[in-house]
Each structure stands twice: as C-alpha cells, then as structure tokens.
Amino acid sequence: PGKEREEVGCIGPNDGGRGRIESVKGR
C-alpha cells in the first residue's frame, strides 16, 4: 500500500528464474 509495484522476478523457457529485486536474490 502506498508503494509502486515491483517486479520481483521472472522465469521463462530454458531459464532457472531470476530475481529482479536485489533484496530477494538468494532468498
């Protein structure tokens, strides 16, 4: 609430997934 929407991460074909926010990478 009151904050902008963030792209947390994504995953696609032949992709193991990638976090977009530094604070969530590794978690």
PDB file of all heavy atoms in Angstrom:
ATOM      1  N   PRO A   1       0.821  -1.212   0.000  1.00  0.00           N
ATOM      2  CA  PRO A   1       0.000   0.000   0.000  1.00  0.00           C
ATOM      3  C   PRO A   1       0.852   1.258   0.000  1.00  0.00           C
ATOM      4  O   PRO A   1       1.785   1.393   0.793  1.00  0.00           O
ATOM      5  CB  PRO A   1      -0.812  -0.125   1.287  1.00  0.00           C
ATOM      6  CG  PRO A   1      -0.887  -1.593   1.537  1.00  0.00           C
ATOM      7  CD  PRO A   1       0.441  -2.132   1.090  1.00  0.00           C
ATOM      8  N   GLY A   2       0.522   2.164  -0.901  1.00  0.00           N
ATOM      9  CA  GLY A   2       1.245   3.413  -0.985  1.00  0.00           C
ATOM     10  C   GLY A   2       2.578   3.331  -1.689  1.00  0.00           C
ATOM     11  O   GLY A   2       3.297   4.340  -1.757  1.00  0.00           O
ATOM     12  N   LYS A   3       2.921   2.164  -2.200  1.00  0.00           N
ATOM     13  CA  LYS A   3       4.185   1.990  -2.897  1.00  0.00           C
ATOM     14  C   LYS A   3       3.956   1.509  -4.316  1.00  0.00           C
ATOM     15  O   LYS A   3       2.898   0.967  -4.647  1.00  0.00           O
ATOM     16  CB  LYS A   3       5.082   1.004  -2.147  1.00  0.00           C
ATOM     17  CG  LYS A   3       5.481   1.466  -0.749  1.00  0.00           C
ATOM     18  CD  LYS A   3       6.435   0.494  -0.098  1.00  0.00           C
ATOM     19  CE  LYS A   3       6.852   0.970   1.273  1.00  0.00           C
ATOM     20  NZ  LYS A   3       7.798   0.016   1.921  1.00  0.00           N
ATOM     21  N   GLU A   4       4.948   1.711  -5.147  1.00  0.00           N
ATOM     22  CA  GLU A   4       4.854   1.293  -6.533  1.00  0.00           C
ATOM     23  C   GLU A   4       4.992  -0.215  -6.661  1.00  0.00           C
ATOM     24  O   GLU A   4       5.626  -0.880  -5.841  1.00  0.00           O
ATOM     25  CB  GLU A   4       5.931   1.987  -7.369  1.00  0.00           C
ATOM     26  CG  GLU A   4       5.785   3.499  -7.444  1.00  0.00           C
ATOM     27  CD  GLU A   4       6.835   4.134  -8.320  1.00  0.00           C
ATOM     28  OE1 GLU A   4       7.758   3.417  -8.766  1.00  0.00           O
ATOM     29  OE2 GLU A   4       6.744   5.346  -8.570  1.00  0.00           O
ATOM     30  N   ARG A   5       4.387  -0.741  -7.700  1.00  0.00           N
ATOM     31  CA  ARG A   5       4.506  -2.155  -7.991  1.00  0.00           C
ATOM     32  C   ARG A   5       5.937  -2.494  -8.394  1.00  0.00           C
ATOM     33  O   ARG A   5       6.571  -1.748  -9.146  1.00  0.00           O
ATOM     34  CB  ARG A   5       3.540  -2.544  -9.111  1.00  0.00           C
ATOM     35  CG  ARG A   5       3.584  -4.011  -9.506  1.00  0.00           C
ATOM     36  CD  ARG A   5       2.474  -4.326 -10.484  1.00  0.00           C
ATOM     37  NE  ARG A   5       2.528  -3.465 -11.646  1.00  0.00           N
ATOM     38  CZ  ARG A   5       1.540  -3.326 -12.511  1.00  0.00           C
ATOM     39  NH1 ARG A   5       0.401  -3.985 -12.324  1.00  0.00           N
ATOM     40  NH2 ARG A   5       1.678  -2.514 -13.549  1.00  0.00           N
ATOM     41  N   GLU A   6       6.421  -3.606  -7.888  1.00  0.00           N
ATOM     42  CA  GLU A   6       7.770  -4.047  -8.169  1.00  0.00           C
ATOM     43  C   GLU A   6       7.761  -5.352  -8.954  1.00  0.00           C
ATOM     44  O   GLU A   6       6.884  -6.192  -8.759  1.00  0.00           O
ATOM     45  CB  GLU A   6       8.558  -4.265  -6.878  1.00  0.00           C
ATOM     46  CG  GLU A   6       8.767  -3.026  -6.031  1.00  0.00           C
ATOM     47  CD  GLU A   6       9.507  -3.342  -4.750  1.00  0.00           C
ATOM     48  OE1 GLU A   6       8.992  -4.160  -3.956  1.00  0.00           O
ATOM     49  OE2 GLU A   6      10.609  -2.786  -4.548  1.00  0.00           O
ATOM     50  N   GLU A   7       8.741  -5.495  -9.809  1.00  0.00           N
ATOM     51  CA  GLU A   7       8.962  -6.758 -10.496  1.00  0.00           C
ATOM     52  C   GLU A   7       9.856  -7.608  -9.596  1.00  0.00           C
ATOM     53  O   GLU A   7      11.037  -7.335  -9.453  1.00  0.00           O
ATOM     54  CB  GLU A   7       9.620  -6.535 -11.849  1.00  0.00           C
ATOM     55  CG  GLU A   7       8.789  -5.681 -12.798  1.00  0.00           C
ATOM     56  CD  GLU A   7       9.493  -5.419 -14.107  1.00  0.00           C
ATOM     57  OE1 GLU A   7      10.384  -6.215 -14.478  1.00  0.00           O
ATOM     58  OE2 GLU A   7       9.159  -4.420 -14.771  1.00  0.00           O
ATOM     59  N   VAL A   8       9.271  -8.615  -8.999  1.00  0.00           N
ATOM     60  CA  VAL A   8      10.009  -9.449  -8.060  1.00  0.00           C
ATOM     61  C   VAL A   8      10.998 -10.349  -8.786  1.00  0.00           C
ATOM     62  O   VAL A   8      12.142 -10.502  -8.371  1.00  0.00           O
ATOM     63  CB  VAL A   8       9.053 -10.287  -7.200  1.00  0.00           C
ATOM     64  CG1 VAL A   8       9.830 -11.173  -6.230  1.00  0.00           C
ATOM     65  CG2 VAL A   8       8.099  -9.376  -6.450  1.00  0.00           C
ATOM     66  N   GLY A   9      10.544 -10.960  -9.862  1.00  0.00           N
ATOM     67  CA  GLY A   9      11.379 -11.860 -10.620  1.00  0.00           C
ATOM     68  C   GLY A   9      10.594 -12.496 -11.738  1.00  0.00           C
ATOM     69  O   GLY A   9       9.405 -12.237 -11.920  1.00  0.00           O
ATOM     70  N   CYS A  10      11.264 -13.343 -12.495  1.00  0.00           N
ATOM     71  CA  CYS A  10      10.599 -13.982 -13.617  1.00  0.00           C
ATOM     72  C   CYS A  10      11.290 -15.285 -13.950  1.00  0.00           C
ATOM     73  O   CYS A  10      12.407 -15.567 -13.497  1.00  0.00           O
ATOM     74  CB  CYS A  10      10.560 -13.054 -14.837  1.00  0.00           C
ATOM     75  SG  CYS A  10      12.191 -12.544 -15.432  1.00  0.00           S
ATOM     76  N   ILE A  11      10.608 -16.072 -14.751  1.00  0.00           N
ATOM     77  CA  ILE A  11      11.151 -17.335 -15.230  1.00  0.00           C
ATOM     78  C   ILE A  11      10.546 -17.610 -16.594  1.00  0.00           C
ATOM     79  O   ILE A  11       9.377 -17.339 -16.841  1.00  0.00           O
ATOM     80  CB  ILE A  11      10.869 -18.483 -14.241  1.00  0.00           C
ATOM     81  CG1 ILE A  11      11.541 -19.771 -14.692  1.00  0.00           C
ATOM     82  CG2 ILE A  11       9.367 -18.672 -14.041  1.00  0.00           C
ATOM     83  CD1 ILE A  11      11.486 -20.878 -13.655  1.00  0.00           C
ATOM     84  N   GLY A  12      11.363 -18.137 -17.485  1.00  0.00           N
ATOM     85  CA  GLY A  12      10.909 -18.445 -18.827  1.00  0.00           C
ATOM     86  C   GLY A  12      11.495 -19.747 -19.319  1.00  0.00           C
ATOM     87  O   GLY A  12      12.170 -20.469 -18.567  1.00  0.00           O
ATOM     88  N   PRO A  13      11.237 -20.072 -20.581  1.00  0.00           N
ATOM     89  CA  PRO A  13      11.791 -21.299 -21.153  1.00  0.00           C
ATOM     90  C   PRO A  13      13.313 -21.330 -21.046  1.00  0.00           C
ATOM     91  O   PRO A  13      13.980 -20.317 -21.277  1.00  0.00           O
ATOM     92  CB  PRO A  13      11.340 -21.232 -22.611  1.00  0.00           C
ATOM     93  CG  PRO A  13      10.124 -20.362 -22.586  1.00  0.00           C
ATOM     94  CD  PRO A  13      10.399 -19.342 -21.526  1.00  0.00           C
ATOM     95  N   ASN A  14      13.824 -22.491 -20.690  1.00  0.00           N
ATOM     96  CA  ASN A  14      15.276 -22.666 -20.556  1.00  0.00           C
ATOM     97  C   ASN A  14      15.876 -21.638 -19.598  1.00  0.00           C
ATOM     98  O   ASN A  14      16.969 -21.114 -19.828  1.00  0.00           O
ATOM     99  CB  ASN A  14      15.946 -22.577 -21.924  1.00  0.00           C
ATOM    100  CG  ASN A  14      15.393 -23.574 -22.907  1.00  0.00           C
ATOM    101  OD1 ASN A  14      15.244 -24.759 -22.588  1.00  0.00           O
ATOM    102  ND2 ASN A  14      15.085 -23.112 -24.115  1.00  0.00           N
ATOM    103  N   ASP A  15      15.174 -21.381 -18.541  1.00  0.00           N
ATOM    104  CA  ASP A  15      15.560 -20.349 -17.602  1.00  0.00           C
ATOM    105  C   ASP A  15      15.302 -20.855 -16.190  1.00  0.00           C
ATOM    106  O   ASP A  15      14.213 -21.354 -15.896  1.00  0.00           O
ATOM    107  CB  ASP A  15      14.748 -19.080 -17.876  1.00  0.00           C
ATOM    108  CG  ASP A  15      15.237 -17.868 -17.108  1.00  0.00           C
ATOM    109  OD1 ASP A  15      15.919 -18.040 -16.079  1.00  0.00           O
ATOM    110  OD2 ASP A  15      14.931 -16.739 -17.535  1.00  0.00           O
ATOM    111  N   GLY A  16      16.287 -20.717 -15.340  1.00  0.00           N
ATOM    112  CA  GLY A  16      16.141 -21.152 -13.967  1.00  0.00           C
ATOM    113  C   GLY A  16      15.488 -20.136 -13.063  1.00  0.00           C
ATOM    114  O   GLY A  16      15.322 -20.387 -11.865  1.00  0.00           O
ATOM    115  N   GLY A  17      15.128 -18.991 -13.624  1.00  0.00           N
ATOM    116  CA  GLY A  17      14.500 -17.947 -12.847  1.00  0.00           C
ATOM    117  C   GLY A  17      15.505 -16.896 -12.414  1.00  0.00           C
ATOM    118  O   GLY A  17      16.671 -17.193 -12.151  1.00  0.00           O
ATOM    119  N   ARG A  18      15.037 -15.676 -12.317  1.00  0.00           N
ATOM    120  CA  ARG A  18      15.902 -14.564 -11.946  1.00  0.00           C
ATOM    121  C   ARG A  18      15.129 -13.558 -11.114  1.00  0.00           C
ATOM    122  O   ARG A  18      14.041 -13.129 -11.498  1.00  0.00           O
ATOM    123  CB  ARG A  18      16.457 -13.883 -13.195  1.00  0.00           C
ATOM    124  CG  ARG A  18      17.330 -12.670 -12.910  1.00  0.00           C
ATOM    125  CD  ARG A  18      17.743 -11.973 -14.193  1.00  0.00           C
ATOM    126  NE  ARG A  18      18.605 -12.809 -14.993  1.00  0.00           N
ATOM    127  CZ  ARG A  18      19.930 -12.861 -14.869  1.00  0.00           C
ATOM    128  NH1 ARG A  18      20.539 -12.108 -13.961  1.00  0.00           N
ATOM    129  NH2 ARG A  18      20.633 -13.652 -15.654  1.00  0.00           N
ATOM    130  N   GLY A  19      15.704 -13.191  -9.992  1.00  0.00           N
ATOM    131  CA  GLY A  19      15.116 -12.150  -9.177  1.00  0.00           C
ATOM    132  C   GLY A  19      15.423 -10.781  -9.747  1.00  0.00           C
ATOM    133  O   GLY A  19      16.509 -10.548 -10.267  1.00  0.00           O
ATOM    134  N   ARG A  20      14.469  -9.884  -9.649  1.00  0.00           N
ATOM    135  CA  ARG A  20      14.642  -8.528 -10.150  1.00  0.00           C
ATOM    136  C   ARG A  20      14.976  -7.529  -9.048  1.00  0.00           C
ATOM    137  O   ARG A  20      15.485  -6.459  -9.338  1.00  0.00           O
ATOM    138  CB  ARG A  20      13.376  -8.066 -10.881  1.00  0.00           C
ATOM    139  CG  ARG A  20      13.125  -8.768 -12.211  1.00  0.00           C
ATOM    140  CD  ARG A  20      14.182  -8.398 -13.232  1.00  0.00           C
ATOM    141  NE  ARG A  20      13.818  -8.826 -14.576  1.00  0.00           N
ATOM    142  CZ  ARG A  20      13.126  -8.102 -15.426  1.00  0.00           C
ATOM    143  NH1 ARG A  20      12.715  -6.884 -15.083  1.00  0.00           N
ATOM    144  NH2 ARG A  20      12.839  -8.578 -16.623  1.00  0.00           N
ATOM    145  N   ILE A  21      14.671  -7.870  -7.831  1.00  0.00           N
ATOM    146  CA  ILE A  21      14.953  -7.013  -6.690  1.00  0.00           C
ATOM    147  C   ILE A  21      16.163  -7.571  -5.956  1.00  0.00           C
ATOM    148  O   ILE A  21      16.180  -8.737  -5.572  1.00  0.00           O
ATOM    149  CB  ILE A  21      13.749  -6.924  -5.738  1.00  0.00           C
ATOM    150  CG1 ILE A  21      12.504  -6.460  -6.490  1.00  0.00           C
ATOM    151  CG2 ILE A  21      14.043  -5.995  -4.579  1.00  0.00           C
ATOM    152  CD1 ILE A  21      11.249  -6.473  -5.645  1.00  0.00           C
ATOM    153  N   GLU A  22      17.148  -6.726  -5.749  1.00  0.00           N
ATOM    154  CA  GLU A  22      18.381  -7.189  -5.139  1.00  0.00           C
ATOM    155  C   GLU A  22      18.141  -7.805  -3.770  1.00  0.00           C
ATOM    156  O   GLU A  22      18.808  -8.775  -3.397  1.00  0.00           O
ATOM    157  CB  GLU A  22      19.380  -6.045  -5.033  1.00  0.00           C
ATOM    158  CG  GLU A  22      19.927  -5.566  -6.363  1.00  0.00           C
ATOM    159  CD  GLU A  22      20.744  -6.637  -7.055  1.00  0.00           C
ATOM    160  OE1 GLU A  22      21.370  -7.457  -6.355  1.00  0.00           O
ATOM    161  OE2 GLU A  22      20.765  -6.655  -8.302  1.00  0.00           O
ATOM    162  N   SER A  23      17.190  -7.274  -3.025  1.00  0.00           N
ATOM    163  CA  SER A  23      16.965  -7.743  -1.676  1.00  0.00           C
ATOM    164  C   SER A  23      16.405  -9.160  -1.607  1.00  0.00           C
ATOM    165  O   SER A  23      16.481  -9.798  -0.555  1.00  0.00           O
ATOM    166  CB  SER A  23      16.030  -6.784  -0.928  1.00  0.00           C
ATOM    167  OG  SER A  23      14.751  -6.741  -1.532  1.00  0.00           O
ATOM    168  N   VAL A  24      15.833  -9.665  -2.702  1.00  0.00           N
ATOM    169  CA  VAL A  24      15.245 -11.005  -2.677  1.00  0.00           C
ATOM    170  C   VAL A  24      16.153 -12.052  -3.299  1.00  0.00           C
ATOM    171  O   VAL A  24      15.896 -13.253  -3.149  1.00  0.00           O
ATOM    172  CB  VAL A  24      13.870 -11.039  -3.383  1.00  0.00           C
ATOM    173  CG1 VAL A  24      12.987  -9.909  -2.884  1.00  0.00           C
ATOM    174  CG2 VAL A  24      14.012 -10.989  -4.895  1.00  0.00           C
ATOM    175  N   LYS A  25      17.170 -11.631  -3.993  1.00  0.00           N
ATOM    176  CA  LYS A  25      18.076 -12.577  -4.623  1.00  0.00           C
ATOM    177  C   LYS A  25      18.764 -13.428  -3.555  1.00  0.00           C
ATOM    178  O   LYS A  25      19.292 -12.921  -2.583  1.00  0.00           O
ATOM    179  CB  LYS A  25      19.107 -11.844  -5.478  1.00  0.00           C
ATOM    180  CG  LYS A  25      18.510 -11.151  -6.685  1.00  0.00           C
ATOM    181  CD  LYS A  25      19.567 -10.436  -7.506  1.00  0.00           C
ATOM    182  CE  LYS A  25      18.954  -9.780  -8.727  1.00  0.00           C
ATOM    183  NZ  LYS A  25      19.971  -9.052  -9.528  1.00  0.00           N
ATOM    184  N   GLY A  26      18.751 -14.725  -3.792  1.00  0.00           N
ATOM    185  CA  GLY A  26      19.300 -15.652  -2.821  1.00  0.00           C
ATOM    186  C   GLY A  26      18.281 -16.131  -1.809  1.00  0.00           C
ATOM    187  O   GLY A  26      18.528 -17.121  -1.114  1.00  0.00           O
ATOM    188  N   ARG A  27      17.147 -15.453  -1.711  1.00  0.00           N
ATOM    189  CA  ARG A  27      16.087 -15.845  -0.784  1.00  0.00           C
ATOM    190  C   ARG A  27      14.845 -16.358  -1.512  1.00  0.00           C
ATOM    191  O   ARG A  27      14.145 -17.226  -0.994  1.00  0.00           O
ATOM    192  CB  ARG A  27      15.682 -14.672   0.110  1.00  0.00           C
ATOM    193  CG  ARG A  27      16.811 -14.131   0.977  1.00  0.00           C
ATOM    194  CD  ARG A  27      16.293 -13.107   1.991  1.00  0.00           C
ATOM    195  NE  ARG A  27      15.725 -11.927   1.334  1.00  0.00           N
ATOM    196  CZ  ARG A  27      14.450 -11.562   1.417  1.00  0.00           C
ATOM    197  NH1 ARG A  27      13.596 -12.285   2.131  1.00  0.00           N
ATOM    198  NH2 ARG A  27      14.020 -10.469   0.807  1.00  0.00           N
TER     199      ARG A  27
END
